[in-house]
Amino acid sequence: KFLDAIGREFEADQQDAEPREAASGSTIPEWPEMLGAAR
């Protein structure tokens, strides 16, 4: 699931006609559920 989300991030970048604004942050909505506290 994590690797698939990373792959979609790269595909979105390659398809963008215009550069994304850095202030918009990542296009990965799953960050909160996929990452968290280190144990």
PDB file of all heavy atoms in Angstrom:
ATOM      1  N   LYS A   1       0.834  -1.205   0.000  1.00  0.00           N
ATOM      2  CA  LYS A   1       0.000   0.000   0.000  1.00  0.00           C
ATOM      3  C   LYS A   1       0.863   1.248   0.000  1.00  0.00           C
ATOM      4  O   LYS A   1       0.585   2.222  -0.716  1.00  0.00           O
ATOM      5  CB  LYS A   1      -0.922  -0.003   1.221  1.00  0.00           C
ATOM      6  CG  LYS A   1      -1.828   1.212   1.316  1.00  0.00           C
ATOM      7  CD  LYS A   1      -2.733   1.119   2.539  1.00  0.00           C
ATOM      8  CE  LYS A   1      -3.642   2.353   2.633  1.00  0.00           C
ATOM      9  NZ  LYS A   1      -4.535   2.292   3.814  1.00  0.00           N
ATOM     10  N   PHE A   2       1.921   1.255   0.792  1.00  0.00           N
ATOM     11  CA  PHE A   2       2.829   2.395   0.853  1.00  0.00           C
ATOM     12  C   PHE A   2       3.538   2.592  -0.481  1.00  0.00           C
ATOM     13  O   PHE A   2       3.605   3.705  -1.012  1.00  0.00           O
ATOM     14  CB  PHE A   2       3.841   2.184   1.979  1.00  0.00           C
ATOM     15  CG  PHE A   2       4.837   3.292   2.134  1.00  0.00           C
ATOM     16  CD1 PHE A   2       4.552   4.389   2.921  1.00  0.00           C
ATOM     17  CD2 PHE A   2       6.068   3.240   1.491  1.00  0.00           C
ATOM     18  CE1 PHE A   2       5.461   5.421   3.066  1.00  0.00           C
ATOM     19  CE2 PHE A   2       6.990   4.270   1.630  1.00  0.00           C
ATOM     20  CZ  PHE A   2       6.678   5.355   2.425  1.00  0.00           C
ATOM     21  N   LEU A   3       4.075   1.523  -1.055  1.00  0.00           N
ATOM     22  CA  LEU A   3       4.797   1.627  -2.320  1.00  0.00           C
ATOM     23  C   LEU A   3       3.872   2.071  -3.447  1.00  0.00           C
ATOM     24  O   LEU A   3       4.280   2.842  -4.330  1.00  0.00           O
ATOM     25  CB  LEU A   3       5.452   0.285  -2.657  1.00  0.00           C
ATOM     26  CG  LEU A   3       6.574  -0.155  -1.710  1.00  0.00           C
ATOM     27  CD1 LEU A   3       7.007  -1.582  -2.029  1.00  0.00           C
ATOM     28  CD2 LEU A   3       7.763   0.787  -1.773  1.00  0.00           C
ATOM     29  N   ASP A   4       2.621   1.623  -3.423  1.00  0.00           N
ATOM     30  CA  ASP A   4       1.661   2.066  -4.439  1.00  0.00           C
ATOM     31  C   ASP A   4       1.417   3.573  -4.342  1.00  0.00           C
ATOM     32  O   ASP A   4       1.310   4.268  -5.361  1.00  0.00           O
ATOM     33  CB  ASP A   4       0.330   1.320  -4.269  1.00  0.00           C
ATOM     34  CG  ASP A   4       0.416  -0.138  -4.685  1.00  0.00           C
ATOM     35  OD1 ASP A   4       1.365  -0.494  -5.412  1.00  0.00           O
ATOM     36  OD2 ASP A   4      -0.466  -0.920  -4.270  1.00  0.00           O
ATOM     37  N   ALA A   5       1.301   4.083  -3.116  1.00  0.00           N
ATOM     38  CA  ALA A   5       1.068   5.521  -2.929  1.00  0.00           C
ATOM     39  C   ALA A   5       2.254   6.339  -3.430  1.00  0.00           C
ATOM     40  O   ALA A   5       2.078   7.399  -4.049  1.00  0.00           O
ATOM     41  CB  ALA A   5       0.805   5.819  -1.450  1.00  0.00           C
ATOM     42  N   ILE A   6       3.463   5.849  -3.200  1.00  0.00           N
ATOM     43  CA  ILE A   6       4.654   6.550  -3.709  1.00  0.00           C
ATOM     44  C   ILE A   6       4.650   6.547  -5.234  1.00  0.00           C
ATOM     45  O   ILE A   6       4.958   7.552  -5.886  1.00  0.00           O
ATOM     46  CB  ILE A   6       5.936   5.884  -3.168  1.00  0.00           C
ATOM     47  CG1 ILE A   6       5.987   5.949  -1.634  1.00  0.00           C
ATOM     48  CG2 ILE A   6       7.172   6.564  -3.765  1.00  0.00           C
ATOM     49  CD1 ILE A   6       5.979   7.333  -1.069  1.00  0.00           C
ATOM     50  N   GLY A   7       4.297   5.423  -5.825  1.00  0.00           N
ATOM     51  CA  GLY A   7       4.237   5.349  -7.279  1.00  0.00           C
ATOM     52  C   GLY A   7       3.243   6.337  -7.863  1.00  0.00           C
ATOM     53  O   GLY A   7       3.509   6.967  -8.901  1.00  0.00           O
ATOM     54  N   ARG A   8       2.084   6.501  -7.206  1.00  0.00           N
ATOM     55  CA  ARG A   8       1.095   7.466  -7.697  1.00  0.00           C
ATOM     56  C   ARG A   8       1.624   8.894  -7.601  1.00  0.00           C
ATOM     57  O   ARG A   8       1.301   9.749  -8.437  1.00  0.00           O
ATOM     58  CB  ARG A   8      -0.203   7.332  -6.899  1.00  0.00           C
ATOM     59  CG  ARG A   8      -0.978   6.060  -7.215  1.00  0.00           C
ATOM     60  CD  ARG A   8      -2.392   6.138  -6.687  1.00  0.00           C
ATOM     61  NE  ARG A   8      -2.446   6.257  -5.241  1.00  0.00           N
ATOM     62  CZ  ARG A   8      -2.445   5.223  -4.404  1.00  0.00           C
ATOM     63  NH1 ARG A   8      -2.390   3.979  -4.879  1.00  0.00           N
ATOM     64  NH2 ARG A   8      -2.513   5.409  -3.114  1.00  0.00           N
ATOM     65  N   GLU A   9       2.443   9.191  -6.603  1.00  0.00           N
ATOM     66  CA  GLU A   9       3.034  10.517  -6.473  1.00  0.00           C
ATOM     67  C   GLU A   9       3.917  10.833  -7.672  1.00  0.00           C
ATOM     68  O   GLU A   9       3.856  11.926  -8.233  1.00  0.00           O
ATOM     69  CB  GLU A   9       3.845  10.595  -5.174  1.00  0.00           C
ATOM     70  CG  GLU A   9       4.642  11.871  -4.981  1.00  0.00           C
ATOM     71  CD  GLU A   9       3.809  13.041  -4.471  1.00  0.00           C
ATOM     72  OE1 GLU A   9       2.580  12.988  -4.556  1.00  0.00           O
ATOM     73  OE2 GLU A   9       4.403  14.007  -3.996  1.00  0.00           O
ATOM     74  N   PHE A  10       4.731   9.877  -8.097  1.00  0.00           N
ATOM     75  CA  PHE A  10       5.609  10.106  -9.236  1.00  0.00           C
ATOM     76  C   PHE A  10       4.805  10.234 -10.533  1.00  0.00           C
ATOM     77  O   PHE A  10       5.133  11.050 -11.400  1.00  0.00           O
ATOM     78  CB  PHE A  10       6.636   8.985  -9.351  1.00  0.00           C
ATOM     79  CG  PHE A  10       7.601   8.926  -8.195  1.00  0.00           C
ATOM     80  CD1 PHE A  10       7.990   7.710  -7.663  1.00  0.00           C
ATOM     81  CD2 PHE A  10       8.106  10.086  -7.625  1.00  0.00           C
ATOM     82  CE1 PHE A  10       8.882   7.651  -6.599  1.00  0.00           C
ATOM     83  CE2 PHE A  10       8.987  10.029  -6.558  1.00  0.00           C
ATOM     84  CZ  PHE A  10       9.376   8.807  -6.045  1.00  0.00           C
ATOM     85  N   GLU A  11       3.764   9.429 -10.671  1.00  0.00           N
ATOM     86  CA  GLU A  11       2.928   9.515 -11.873  1.00  0.00           C
ATOM     87  C   GLU A  11       2.249  10.880 -11.951  1.00  0.00           C
ATOM     88  O   GLU A  11       2.164  11.482 -13.027  1.00  0.00           O
ATOM     89  CB  GLU A  11       1.876   8.412 -11.845  1.00  0.00           C
ATOM     90  CG  GLU A  11       2.450   7.021 -12.074  1.00  0.00           C
ATOM     91  CD  GLU A  11       1.417   5.937 -11.906  1.00  0.00           C
ATOM     92  OE1 GLU A  11       0.218   6.289 -11.719  1.00  0.00           O
ATOM     93  OE2 GLU A  11       1.787   4.753 -11.943  1.00  0.00           O
ATOM     94  N   ALA A  12       1.765  11.391 -10.813  1.00  0.00           N
ATOM     95  CA  ALA A  12       1.116  12.706 -10.801  1.00  0.00           C
ATOM     96  C   ALA A  12       2.100  13.794 -11.201  1.00  0.00           C
ATOM     97  O   ALA A  12       1.759  14.723 -11.944  1.00  0.00           O
ATOM     98  CB  ALA A  12       0.546  12.996  -9.418  1.00  0.00           C
ATOM     99  N   ASP A  13       3.347  13.669 -10.759  1.00  0.00           N
ATOM    100  CA  ASP A  13       4.347  14.678 -11.105  1.00  0.00           C
ATOM    101  C   ASP A  13       4.644  14.667 -12.595  1.00  0.00           C
ATOM    102  O   ASP A  13       4.743  15.711 -13.232  1.00  0.00           O
ATOM    103  CB  ASP A  13       5.625  14.435 -10.317  1.00  0.00           C
ATOM    104  CG  ASP A  13       6.744  15.356 -10.772  1.00  0.00           C
ATOM    105  OD1 ASP A  13       6.675  16.546 -10.439  1.00  0.00           O
ATOM    106  OD2 ASP A  13       7.649  14.880 -11.479  1.00  0.00           O
ATOM    107  N   GLN A  14       4.765  13.474 -13.153  1.00  0.00           N
ATOM    108  CA  GLN A  14       5.096  13.366 -14.578  1.00  0.00           C
ATOM    109  C   GLN A  14       3.951  13.864 -15.456  1.00  0.00           C
ATOM    110  O   GLN A  14       4.172  14.337 -16.571  1.00  0.00           O
ATOM    111  CB  GLN A  14       5.413  11.910 -14.931  1.00  0.00           C
ATOM    112  CG  GLN A  14       6.654  11.357 -14.225  1.00  0.00           C
ATOM    113  CD  GLN A  14       7.938  11.958 -14.728  1.00  0.00           C
ATOM    114  OE1 GLN A  14       8.203  13.132 -14.521  1.00  0.00           O
ATOM    115  NE2 GLN A  14       8.763  11.153 -15.390  1.00  0.00           N
ATOM    116  N   GLN A  15       2.709  13.776 -14.966  1.00  0.00           N
ATOM    117  CA  GLN A  15       1.551  14.181 -15.758  1.00  0.00           C
ATOM    118  C   GLN A  15       1.224  15.656 -15.630  1.00  0.00           C
ATOM    119  O   GLN A  15       0.471  16.194 -16.433  1.00  0.00           O
ATOM    120  CB  GLN A  15       0.331  13.355 -15.330  1.00  0.00           C
ATOM    121  CG  GLN A  15       0.459  11.876 -15.683  1.00  0.00           C
ATOM    122  CD  GLN A  15      -0.610  11.032 -15.040  1.00  0.00           C
ATOM    123  OE1 GLN A  15      -1.511  11.542 -14.372  1.00  0.00           O
ATOM    124  NE2 GLN A  15      -0.508   9.727 -15.220  1.00  0.00           N
ATOM    125  N   ASP A  16       1.785  16.327 -14.610  1.00  0.00           N
ATOM    126  CA  ASP A  16       1.490  17.743 -14.403  1.00  0.00           C
ATOM    127  C   ASP A  16       2.067  18.577 -15.537  1.00  0.00           C
ATOM    128  O   ASP A  16       3.270  18.528 -15.819  1.00  0.00           O
ATOM    129  CB  ASP A  16       2.074  18.232 -13.071  1.00  0.00           C
ATOM    130  CG  ASP A  16       1.181  17.861 -11.901  1.00  0.00           C
ATOM    131  OD1 ASP A  16       0.024  17.492 -12.145  1.00  0.00           O
ATOM    132  OD2 ASP A  16       1.655  17.951 -10.757  1.00  0.00           O
ATOM    133  N   ALA A  17       1.219  19.362 -16.168  1.00  0.00           N
ATOM    134  CA  ALA A  17       1.717  20.271 -17.205  1.00  0.00           C
ATOM    135  C   ALA A  17       2.431  21.454 -16.596  1.00  0.00           C
ATOM    136  O   ALA A  17       3.372  22.004 -17.162  1.00  0.00           O
ATOM    137  CB  ALA A  17       0.554  20.746 -18.076  1.00  0.00           C
ATOM    138  N   GLU A  18       1.967  21.883 -15.430  1.00  0.00           N
ATOM    139  CA  GLU A  18       2.581  23.000 -14.730  1.00  0.00           C
ATOM    140  C   GLU A  18       3.201  22.494 -13.437  1.00  0.00           C
ATOM    141  O   GLU A  18       2.697  21.555 -12.818  1.00  0.00           O
ATOM    142  CB  GLU A  18       1.536  24.078 -14.404  1.00  0.00           C
ATOM    143  CG  GLU A  18       0.892  24.699 -15.627  1.00  0.00           C
ATOM    144  CD  GLU A  18       1.893  25.475 -16.457  1.00  0.00           C
ATOM    145  OE1 GLU A  18       2.860  26.001 -15.871  1.00  0.00           O
ATOM    146  OE2 GLU A  18       1.706  25.559 -17.686  1.00  0.00           O
ATOM    147  N   PRO A  19       4.299  23.113 -12.966  1.00  0.00           N
ATOM    148  CA  PRO A  19       4.908  22.694 -11.709  1.00  0.00           C
ATOM    149  C   PRO A  19       3.966  22.927 -10.547  1.00  0.00           C
ATOM    150  O   PRO A  19       3.249  23.916 -10.497  1.00  0.00           O
ATOM    151  CB  PRO A  19       6.150  23.592 -11.589  1.00  0.00           C
ATOM    152  CG  PRO A  19       5.853  24.757 -12.471  1.00  0.00           C
ATOM    153  CD  PRO A  19       5.013  24.236 -13.590  1.00  0.00           C
ATOM    154  N   ARG A  20       3.944  21.980  -9.615  1.00  0.00           N
ATOM    155  CA  ARG A  20       3.110  22.128  -8.437  1.00  0.00           C
ATOM    156  C   ARG A  20       3.692  23.156  -7.493  1.00  0.00           C
ATOM    157  O   ARG A  20       4.901  23.313  -7.391  1.00  0.00           O
ATOM    158  CB  ARG A  20       2.993  20.789  -7.708  1.00  0.00           C
ATOM    159  CG  ARG A  20       1.960  19.865  -8.285  1.00  0.00           C
ATOM    160  CD  ARG A  20       1.999  18.542  -7.558  1.00  0.00           C
ATOM    161  NE  ARG A  20       3.161  17.763  -7.969  1.00  0.00           N
ATOM    162  CZ  ARG A  20       3.768  16.898  -7.181  1.00  0.00           C
ATOM    163  NH1 ARG A  20       3.373  16.749  -5.950  1.00  0.00           N
ATOM    164  NH2 ARG A  20       4.795  16.211  -7.614  1.00  0.00           N
ATOM    165  N   GLU A  21       2.828  23.829  -6.772  1.00  0.00           N
ATOM    166  CA  GLU A  21       3.286  24.744  -5.735  1.00  0.00           C
ATOM    167  C   GLU A  21       3.770  23.924  -4.549  1.00  0.00           C
ATOM    168  O   GLU A  21       3.070  23.017  -4.083  1.00  0.00           O
ATOM    169  CB  GLU A  21       2.132  25.651  -5.277  1.00  0.00           C
ATOM    170  CG  GLU A  21       1.648  26.609  -6.353  1.00  0.00           C
ATOM    171  CD  GLU A  21       2.623  27.760  -6.536  1.00  0.00           C
ATOM    172  OE1 GLU A  21       3.435  27.998  -5.629  1.00  0.00           O
ATOM    173  OE2 GLU A  21       2.556  28.422  -7.582  1.00  0.00           O
ATOM    174  N   ALA A  22       4.953  24.228  -4.030  1.00  0.00           N
ATOM    175  CA  ALA A  22       5.440  23.509  -2.861  1.00  0.00           C
ATOM    176  C   ALA A  22       4.531  23.728  -1.674  1.00  0.00           C
ATOM    177  O   ALA A  22       4.391  22.873  -0.818  1.00  0.00           O
ATOM    178  CB  ALA A  22       6.861  23.960  -2.516  1.00  0.00           C
ATOM    179  N   ALA A  23       3.886  24.909  -1.599  1.00  0.00           N
ATOM    180  CA  ALA A  23       3.026  25.199  -0.454  1.00  0.00           C
ATOM    181  C   ALA A  23       1.815  24.285  -0.409  1.00  0.00           C
ATOM    182  O   ALA A  23       1.173  24.153   0.616  1.00  0.00           O
ATOM    183  CB  ALA A  23       2.569  26.654  -0.510  1.00  0.00           C
ATOM    184  N   SER A  24       1.466  23.647  -1.548  1.00  0.00           N
ATOM    185  CA  SER A  24       0.325  22.743  -1.540  1.00  0.00           C
ATOM    186  C   SER A  24       0.662  21.419  -0.889  1.00  0.00           C
ATOM    187  O   SER A  24      -0.209  20.615  -0.609  1.00  0.00           O
ATOM    188  CB  SER A  24      -0.151  22.489  -2.981  1.00  0.00           C
ATOM    189  OG  SER A  24       0.822  21.752  -3.705  1.00  0.00           O
ATOM    190  N   GLY A  25       1.953  21.188  -0.656  1.00  0.00           N
ATOM    191  CA  GLY A  25       2.370  19.972   0.008  1.00  0.00           C
ATOM    192  C   GLY A  25       2.297  18.762  -0.908  1.00  0.00           C
ATOM    193  O   GLY A  25       2.185  18.849  -2.123  1.00  0.00           O
ATOM    194  N   SER A  26       2.327  17.574  -0.309  1.00  0.00           N
ATOM    195  CA  SER A  26       2.317  16.341  -1.065  1.00  0.00           C
ATOM    196  C   SER A  26       0.919  16.061  -1.606  1.00  0.00           C
ATOM    197  O   SER A  26      -0.081  16.531  -1.083  1.00  0.00           O
ATOM    198  CB  SER A  26       2.759  15.193  -0.150  1.00  0.00           C
ATOM    199  OG  SER A  26       2.573  13.952  -0.778  1.00  0.00           O
ATOM    200  N   THR A  27       0.860  15.258  -2.674  1.00  0.00           N
ATOM    201  CA  THR A  27      -0.425  14.817  -3.192  1.00  0.00           C
ATOM    202  C   THR A  27      -0.828  13.480  -2.584  1.00  0.00           C
ATOM    203  O   THR A  27      -1.758  12.838  -3.047  1.00  0.00           O
ATOM    204  CB  THR A  27      -0.361  14.672  -4.720  1.00  0.00           C
ATOM    205  OG1 THR A  27       0.629  13.684  -5.052  1.00  0.00           O
ATOM    206  CG2 THR A  27      -0.015  15.983  -5.382  1.00  0.00           C
ATOM    207  N   ILE A  28      -0.131  13.011  -1.563  1.00  0.00           N
ATOM    208  CA  ILE A  28      -0.413  11.711  -0.953  1.00  0.00           C
ATOM    209  C   ILE A  28      -1.349  11.902   0.240  1.00  0.00           C
ATOM    210  O   ILE A  28      -0.913  12.295   1.324  1.00  0.00           O
ATOM    211  CB  ILE A  28       0.874  11.000  -0.512  1.00  0.00           C
ATOM    212  CG1 ILE A  28       1.817  10.820  -1.714  1.00  0.00           C
ATOM    213  CG2 ILE A  28       0.568   9.656   0.112  1.00  0.00           C
ATOM    214  CD1 ILE A  28       3.118  10.131  -1.400  1.00  0.00           C
ATOM    215  N   PRO A  29      -2.655  11.648   0.074  1.00  0.00           N
ATOM    216  CA  PRO A  29      -3.589  11.871   1.183  1.00  0.00           C
ATOM    217  C   PRO A  29      -3.465  10.841   2.295  1.00  0.00           C
ATOM    218  O   PRO A  29      -3.962  11.056   3.398  1.00  0.00           O
ATOM    219  CB  PRO A  29      -4.960  11.787   0.494  1.00  0.00           C
ATOM    220  CG  PRO A  29      -4.735  10.893  -0.689  1.00  0.00           C
ATOM    221  CD  PRO A  29      -3.332  11.178  -1.157  1.00  0.00           C
ATOM    222  N   GLU A  30      -2.787   9.708   1.992  1.00  0.00           N
ATOM    223  CA  GLU A  30      -2.722   8.630   2.986  1.00  0.00           C
ATOM    224  C   GLU A  30      -1.616   8.807   4.017  1.00  0.00           C
ATOM    225  O   GLU A  30      -1.445   7.954   4.887  1.00  0.00           O
ATOM    226  CB  GLU A  30      -2.519   7.271   2.278  1.00  0.00           C
ATOM    227  CG  GLU A  30      -3.579   6.920   1.252  1.00  0.00           C
ATOM    228  CD  GLU A  30      -3.159   7.279  -0.165  1.00  0.00           C
ATOM    229  OE1 GLU A  30      -2.339   8.211  -0.326  1.00  0.00           O
ATOM    230  OE2 GLU A  30      -3.641   6.632  -1.101  1.00  0.00           O
ATOM    231  N   TRP A  31      -0.812   9.897   3.907  1.00  0.00           N
ATOM    232  CA  TRP A  31       0.290  10.088   4.855  1.00  0.00           C
ATOM    233  C   TRP A  31      -0.124   9.832   6.307  1.00  0.00           C
ATOM    234  O   TRP A  31       0.540   9.075   7.013  1.00  0.00           O
ATOM    235  CB  TRP A  31       0.838  11.501   4.750  1.00  0.00           C
ATOM    236  CG  TRP A  31       1.972  11.786   3.788  1.00  0.00           C
ATOM    237  CD1 TRP A  31       2.341  13.028   3.373  1.00  0.00           C
ATOM    238  CD2 TRP A  31       2.889  10.890   3.161  1.00  0.00           C
ATOM    239  NE1 TRP A  31       3.400  12.954   2.505  1.00  0.00           N
ATOM    240  CE2 TRP A  31       3.771  11.646   2.366  1.00  0.00           C
ATOM    241  CE3 TRP A  31       3.037   9.512   3.186  1.00  0.00           C
ATOM    242  CZ2 TRP A  31       4.781  11.090   1.617  1.00  0.00           C
ATOM    243  CZ3 TRP A  31       4.056   8.947   2.429  1.00  0.00           C
ATOM    244  CH2 TRP A  31       4.923   9.726   1.667  1.00  0.00           C
ATOM    245  N   PRO A  32      -1.209  10.474   6.812  1.00  0.00           N
ATOM    246  CA  PRO A  32      -1.532  10.314   8.240  1.00  0.00           C
ATOM    247  C   PRO A  32      -1.771   8.873   8.655  1.00  0.00           C
ATOM    248  O   PRO A  32      -1.406   8.483   9.773  1.00  0.00           O
ATOM    249  CB  PRO A  32      -2.799  11.166   8.406  1.00  0.00           C
ATOM    250  CG  PRO A  32      -2.730  12.166   7.308  1.00  0.00           C
ATOM    251  CD  PRO A  32      -2.111  11.438   6.157  1.00  0.00           C
ATOM    252  N   GLU A  33      -2.388   8.073   7.792  1.00  0.00           N
ATOM    253  CA  GLU A  33      -2.682   6.700   8.184  1.00  0.00           C
ATOM    254  C   GLU A  33      -1.522   5.753   7.894  1.00  0.00           C
ATOM    255  O   GLU A  33      -1.425   4.688   8.507  1.00  0.00           O
ATOM    256  CB  GLU A  33      -3.941   6.200   7.472  1.00  0.00           C
ATOM    257  CG  GLU A  33      -3.830   6.125   5.958  1.00  0.00           C
ATOM    258  CD  GLU A  33      -5.129   5.702   5.305  1.00  0.00           C
ATOM    259  OE1 GLU A  33      -6.049   6.543   5.255  1.00  0.00           O
ATOM    260  OE2 GLU A  33      -5.207   4.545   4.848  1.00  0.00           O
ATOM    261  N   MET A  34      -0.631   6.122   6.969  1.00  0.00           N
ATOM    262  CA  MET A  34       0.478   5.231   6.620  1.00  0.00           C
ATOM    263  C   MET A  34       1.708   5.459   7.479  1.00  0.00           C
ATOM    264  O   MET A  34       2.517   4.552   7.664  1.00  0.00           O
ATOM    265  CB  MET A  34       0.848   5.402   5.146  1.00  0.00           C
ATOM    266  CG  MET A  34      -0.190   4.862   4.190  1.00  0.00           C
ATOM    267  SD  MET A  34       0.450   4.675   2.511  1.00  0.00           S
ATOM    268  CE  MET A  34       0.980   6.339   2.157  1.00  0.00           C
ATOM    269  N   LEU A  35       1.896   6.693   7.972  1.00  0.00           N
ATOM    270  CA  LEU A  35       3.056   7.004   8.792  1.00  0.00           C
ATOM    271  C   LEU A  35       2.574   7.493  10.155  1.00  0.00           C
ATOM    272  O   LEU A  35       1.433   7.882  10.322  1.00  0.00           O
ATOM    273  CB  LEU A  35       3.927   8.069   8.125  1.00  0.00           C
ATOM    274  CG  LEU A  35       4.511   7.685   6.767  1.00  0.00           C
ATOM    275  CD1 LEU A  35       5.201   8.881   6.131  1.00  0.00           C
ATOM    276  CD2 LEU A  35       5.487   6.525   6.910  1.00  0.00           C
ATOM    277  N   GLY A  36       3.444   7.498  11.120  1.00  0.00           N
ATOM    278  CA  GLY A  36       3.057   7.926  12.458  1.00  0.00           C
ATOM    279  C   GLY A  36       4.223   7.794  13.403  1.00  0.00           C
ATOM    280  O   GLY A  36       5.392   7.894  13.008  1.00  0.00           O
ATOM    281  N   ALA A  37       3.926   7.559  14.668  1.00  0.00           N
ATOM    282  CA  ALA A  37       4.962   7.481  15.690  1.00  0.00           C
ATOM    283  C   ALA A  37       5.894   6.299  15.435  1.00  0.00           C
ATOM    284  O   ALA A  37       5.466   5.238  14.967  1.00  0.00           O
ATOM    285  CB  ALA A  37       4.328   7.355  17.072  1.00  0.00           C
ATOM    286  N   ALA A  38       7.169   6.503  15.722  1.00  0.00           N
ATOM    287  CA  ALA A  38       8.151   5.422  15.636  1.00  0.00           C
ATOM    288  C   ALA A  38       8.069   4.576  16.900  1.00  0.00           C
ATOM    289  O   ALA A  38       7.936   5.106  18.007  1.00  0.00           O
ATOM    290  CB  ALA A  38       9.551   5.991  15.470  1.00  0.00           C
ATOM    291  N   ARG A  39       8.160   3.271  16.730  1.00  0.00           N
ATOM    292  CA  ARG A  39       8.103   2.361  17.882  1.00  0.00           C
ATOM    293  C   ARG A  39       9.315   1.440  17.835  1.00  0.00           C
ATOM    294  O   ARG A  39       9.596   0.807  16.812  1.00  0.00           O
ATOM    295  CB  ARG A  39       6.813   1.536  17.864  1.00  0.00           C
ATOM    296  CG  ARG A  39       5.563   2.376  17.778  1.00  0.00           C
ATOM    297  CD  ARG A  39       4.301   1.549  18.031  1.00  0.00           C
ATOM    298  NE  ARG A  39       4.202   0.353  17.222  1.00  0.00           N
ATOM    299  CZ  ARG A  39       3.795   0.323  15.950  1.00  0.00           C
ATOM    300  NH1 ARG A  39       3.502   1.452  15.324  1.00  0.00           N
ATOM    301  NH2 ARG A  39       3.694  -0.818  15.299  1.00  0.00           N
TER     302      ARG A  39
END
